[in-house]
């Protein structure tokens, strides 16, 4: 979920595991993604290899594991 707080009302119930992305983390992710995209600006898109893309994702911390661990937080259930 992308919401402005990681505090969740005590009446809220989730059927699945939920992680929260707050505004500050969203902005960090947006900045990293923008840098990732701008890295292709001078490249010939037809000649970009899968290896180049993977290295660029790693460099900008945009792998699935990086996104989950760096930008999402556990929610806090209010009482």
C-alpha atoms as a PDB file:
ATOM      1  CA  UNK A   1       0.000   0.000   0.000  1.00  0.00           C
ATOM      2  CA  UNK A   2       1.135   3.531  -0.648  1.00  0.00           C
ATOM      3  CA  UNK A   3      -0.414   5.715   2.043  1.00  0.00           C
ATOM      4  CA  UNK A   4       0.682   8.831   3.948  1.00  0.00           C
ATOM      5  CA  UNK A   5       1.113   7.000   7.274  1.00  0.00           C
ATOM      6  CA  UNK A   6       2.210   3.604   8.516  1.00  0.00           C
ATOM      7  CA  UNK A   7      -0.321   3.711  11.359  1.00  0.00           C
ATOM      8  CA  UNK A   8      -3.394   1.634  10.591  1.00  0.00           C
ATOM      9  CA  UNK A   9      -6.684   1.903  12.459  1.00  0.00           C
ATOM     10  CA  UNK A  10      -7.345  -0.932  14.891  1.00  0.00           C
ATOM     11  CA  UNK A  11     -10.516  -1.796  12.930  1.00  0.00           C
ATOM     12  CA  UNK A  12      -8.561  -2.405   9.719  1.00  0.00           C
ATOM     13  CA  UNK A  13      -8.027  -6.058   8.893  1.00  0.00           C
ATOM     14  CA  UNK A  14      -5.859  -7.350   6.055  1.00  0.00           C
ATOM     15  CA  UNK A  15      -6.268 -10.786   4.498  1.00  0.00           C
ATOM     16  CA  UNK A  16      -2.694 -10.786   3.196  1.00  0.00           C
ATOM     17  CA  UNK A  17       0.635  -9.537   4.488  1.00  0.00           C
ATOM     18  CA  UNK A  18       0.783  -5.767   3.992  1.00  0.00           C
ATOM     19  CA  UNK A  19       3.772  -3.443   3.761  1.00  0.00           C
ATOM     20  CA  UNK A  20       3.455   0.349   3.661  1.00  0.00           C
ATOM     21  CA  UNK A  21       5.274   2.882   1.489  1.00  0.00           C
ATOM     22  CA  UNK A  22       5.131   6.375   2.954  1.00  0.00           C
ATOM     23  CA  UNK A  23       5.500   9.582   0.961  1.00  0.00           C
ATOM     24  CA  UNK A  24       9.197  10.084   1.752  1.00  0.00           C
ATOM     25  CA  UNK A  25      10.103   6.579   0.604  1.00  0.00           C
ATOM     26  CA  UNK A  26       7.922   6.993  -2.476  1.00  0.00           C
ATOM     27  CA  UNK A  27       9.856  10.128  -3.392  1.00  0.00           C
ATOM     28  CA  UNK A  28      13.178   8.299  -2.924  1.00  0.00           C
ATOM     29  CA  UNK A  29      11.973   5.470  -5.164  1.00  0.00           C
ATOM     30  CA  UNK A  30      10.759   7.958  -7.758  1.00  0.00           C
ATOM     31  CA  UNK A  31      14.170   9.645  -7.779  1.00  0.00           C
ATOM     32  CA  UNK A  32      16.009   6.319  -8.181  1.00  0.00           C
ATOM     33  CA  UNK A  33      13.664   5.299 -10.990  1.00  0.00           C
ATOM     34  CA  UNK A  34      14.148   8.628 -12.751  1.00  0.00           C
ATOM     35  CA  UNK A  35      17.946   8.160 -12.588  1.00  0.00           C
ATOM     36  CA  UNK A  36      17.555   4.623 -13.933  1.00  0.00           C
ATOM     37  CA  UNK A  37      15.512   5.833 -16.918  1.00  0.00           C
ATOM     38  CA  UNK A  38      17.868   8.741 -17.640  1.00  0.00           C
ATOM     39  CA  UNK A  39      20.713   6.206 -17.843  1.00  0.00           C
ATOM     40  CA  UNK A  40      19.217   5.033 -21.133  1.00  0.00           C
ATOM     41  CA  UNK A  41      19.086   8.527 -22.611  1.00  0.00           C
ATOM     42  CA  UNK A  42      22.405   8.260 -24.446  1.00  0.00           C
ATOM     43  CA  UNK A  43      22.071   4.560 -25.342  1.00  0.00           C
ATOM     44  CA  UNK A  44      20.882   3.013 -28.571  1.00  0.00           C
ATOM     45  CA  UNK A  45      17.788   1.195 -27.297  1.00  0.00           C
ATOM     46  CA  UNK A  46      18.172  -1.569 -29.903  1.00  0.00           C
ATOM     47  CA  UNK A  47      21.614  -2.475 -28.595  1.00  0.00           C
ATOM     48  CA  UNK A  48      20.882  -2.570 -24.855  1.00  0.00           C
ATOM     49  CA  UNK A  49      21.559  -6.009 -23.420  1.00  0.00           C
ATOM     50  CA  UNK A  50      19.707  -7.745 -20.632  1.00  0.00           C
ATOM     51  CA  UNK A  51      22.958  -7.713 -18.661  1.00  0.00           C
ATOM     52  CA  UNK A  52      23.173  -3.903 -18.954  1.00  0.00           C
ATOM     53  CA  UNK A  53      19.611  -3.548 -17.659  1.00  0.00           C
ATOM     54  CA  UNK A  54      20.291  -5.897 -14.732  1.00  0.00           C
ATOM     55  CA  UNK A  55      23.456  -4.014 -13.773  1.00  0.00           C
ATOM     56  CA  UNK A  56      21.601  -0.710 -14.010  1.00  0.00           C
ATOM     57  CA  UNK A  57      18.782  -2.024 -11.788  1.00  0.00           C
ATOM     58  CA  UNK A  58      21.373  -3.167  -9.240  1.00  0.00           C
ATOM     59  CA  UNK A  59      23.226   0.152  -9.419  1.00  0.00           C
ATOM     60  CA  UNK A  60      20.040   2.147  -8.785  1.00  0.00           C
ATOM     61  CA  UNK A  61      18.794  -0.273  -6.093  1.00  0.00           C
ATOM     62  CA  UNK A  62      15.680  -1.157  -8.082  1.00  0.00           C
ATOM     63  CA  UNK A  63      15.708  -4.933  -7.842  1.00  0.00           C
ATOM     64  CA  UNK A  64      12.660  -6.523  -6.263  1.00  0.00           C
ATOM     65  CA  UNK A  65      14.555  -7.268  -3.055  1.00  0.00           C
ATOM     66  CA  UNK A  66      15.922  -3.702  -2.875  1.00  0.00           C
ATOM     67  CA  UNK A  67      12.500  -2.149  -3.398  1.00  0.00           C
ATOM     68  CA  UNK A  68      10.871  -4.296  -0.723  1.00  0.00           C
ATOM     69  CA  UNK A  69      13.627  -3.822   1.855  1.00  0.00           C
ATOM     70  CA  UNK A  70      14.494  -0.149   1.188  1.00  0.00           C
ATOM     71  CA  UNK A  71      11.146   1.476   0.456  1.00  0.00           C
ATOM     72  CA  UNK A  72       8.464  -0.496   2.300  1.00  0.00           C
ATOM     73  CA  UNK A  73       7.865  -0.706   6.039  1.00  0.00           C
ATOM     74  CA  UNK A  74       5.687  -2.835   8.269  1.00  0.00           C
ATOM     75  CA  UNK A  75       2.462  -1.166   9.290  1.00  0.00           C
ATOM     76  CA  UNK A  76       1.694  -0.226  12.881  1.00  0.00           C
ATOM     77  CA  UNK A  77      -1.679  -1.435  14.155  1.00  0.00           C
ATOM     78  CA  UNK A  78      -3.172   1.191  16.483  1.00  0.00           C
ATOM     79  CA  UNK A  79      -4.997  -0.046  19.589  1.00  0.00           C
END
